[in-house]
Amino acid sequence: MKCHRVNELIELIHPAWQKDPDLNLIQFLQKLATEAGFTGPLSELTDDVLIYHLKMRDSERTEVIPGLKKDYEEDFKTALLRARGILKD
């Protein structure tokens, strides 16, 4: 499982880091952490924060987070009816 996360992180970080070639890896990770709103020490930065930030970095602030999009409903009433089992897919 961890190997999959490492590969995903490398795939996401590589093109983003190429846009800032003057930064070393730690500087770039710090930049990503700051952009994501992470204020703790860099040693506590999780791969989840980096992965989701890199996925959402160039998207609109109102765009749905990947992974939640499959469960996303525009209409609250429809979402409630699906959750109660009244509406089926």
Protein backbone atom coordinates (compact mmCIF):
# COMPACT_ATOMS: atom_id res chain seq x y z
CA MET A 1 0.00 0.00 0.00
CA LYS A 2 2.77 2.44 0.87
CA CYS A 3 4.47 1.76 -2.46
CA HIS A 4 1.30 2.86 -4.24
CA ARG A 5 1.23 6.11 -2.22
CA VAL A 6 4.89 6.83 -2.99
CA ASN A 7 4.32 6.28 -6.70
CA GLU A 8 1.23 8.50 -6.68
CA LEU A 9 3.10 11.25 -4.84
CA ILE A 10 6.05 11.08 -7.26
CA GLU A 11 3.70 11.24 -10.27
CA LEU A 12 2.01 14.33 -8.85
CA ILE A 13 5.07 16.10 -7.51
CA HIS A 14 7.29 15.70 -10.59
CA PRO A 15 5.45 18.06 -12.99
CA ALA A 16 4.71 20.54 -10.20
CA TRP A 17 8.35 20.68 -9.09
CA GLN A 18 9.51 21.26 -12.67
CA LYS A 19 7.70 24.61 -12.54
CA ASP A 20 9.98 25.65 -9.64
CA PRO A 21 13.36 24.17 -10.63
CA ASP A 22 15.29 26.64 -8.47
CA LEU A 23 13.91 25.07 -5.26
CA ASN A 24 15.41 21.99 -3.65
CA LEU A 25 13.06 19.21 -2.50
CA ILE A 26 12.69 20.43 1.09
CA GLN A 27 12.02 24.00 -0.05
CA PHE A 28 9.42 22.75 -2.51
CA LEU A 29 7.73 20.58 0.13
CA GLN A 30 7.65 23.59 2.47
CA LYS A 31 6.06 25.67 -0.31
CA LEU A 32 3.39 23.01 -0.85
CA ALA A 33 2.74 22.76 2.89
CA THR A 34 2.33 26.52 3.17
CA GLU A 35 -0.02 26.62 0.16
CA ALA A 36 -2.11 23.84 1.73
CA GLY A 37 -2.38 25.78 4.99
CA PHE A 38 -0.25 23.32 6.97
CA THR A 39 1.42 25.14 9.87
CA GLY A 40 3.09 22.30 11.77
CA PRO A 41 6.65 21.07 11.45
CA LEU A 42 7.53 19.60 8.06
CA SER A 43 8.26 16.24 9.72
CA GLU A 44 4.52 15.96 10.55
CA LEU A 45 3.34 16.70 7.01
CA THR A 46 1.41 13.67 5.76
CA ASP A 47 1.37 12.23 2.28
CA ASP A 48 -2.41 12.78 2.23
CA VAL A 49 -1.96 16.54 2.57
CA LEU A 50 0.57 16.59 -0.26
CA ILE A 51 -1.44 14.31 -2.56
CA TYR A 52 -4.74 16.15 -2.15
CA HIS A 53 -3.08 19.54 -2.39
CA LEU A 54 -1.25 18.58 -5.58
CA LYS A 55 -4.47 17.18 -7.07
CA MET A 56 -6.41 20.33 -6.23
CA ARG A 57 -3.62 22.90 -6.66
CA ASP A 58 -4.63 24.23 -10.08
CA SER A 59 -8.38 23.82 -9.69
CA GLU A 60 -11.07 26.28 -8.69
CA ARG A 61 -11.74 26.68 -4.97
CA THR A 62 -15.34 25.53 -5.48
CA GLU A 63 -14.39 22.28 -7.27
CA VAL A 64 -15.26 19.05 -5.49
CA ILE A 65 -12.38 17.13 -3.86
CA PRO A 66 -11.42 13.96 -5.76
CA GLY A 67 -12.67 10.92 -3.90
CA LEU A 68 -15.73 12.80 -2.67
CA LYS A 69 -16.96 13.56 -6.17
CA LYS A 70 -18.47 10.08 -6.56
CA ASP A 71 -20.79 10.76 -3.62
CA TYR A 72 -21.48 14.37 -4.54
CA GLU A 73 -25.08 15.50 -4.99
CA GLU A 74 -26.00 19.00 -6.15
CA ASP A 75 -29.34 18.82 -4.41
CA PHE A 76 -29.49 18.21 -0.65
CA LYS A 77 -32.97 16.68 -0.87
CA THR A 78 -31.76 14.09 -3.41
CA ALA A 79 -28.75 13.27 -1.25
CA LEU A 80 -30.97 12.80 1.80
CA LEU A 81 -33.39 10.53 -0.07
CA ARG A 82 -30.47 8.41 -1.37
CA ALA A 83 -28.99 8.15 2.12
CA ARG A 84 -32.32 6.91 3.48
CA GLY A 85 -32.58 4.35 0.71
CA ILE A 86 -35.70 5.89 -0.85
CA LEU A 87 -33.91 6.66 -4.13
CA LYS A 88 -31.77 4.02 -5.81
CA ASP A 89 -28.97 4.60 -8.32
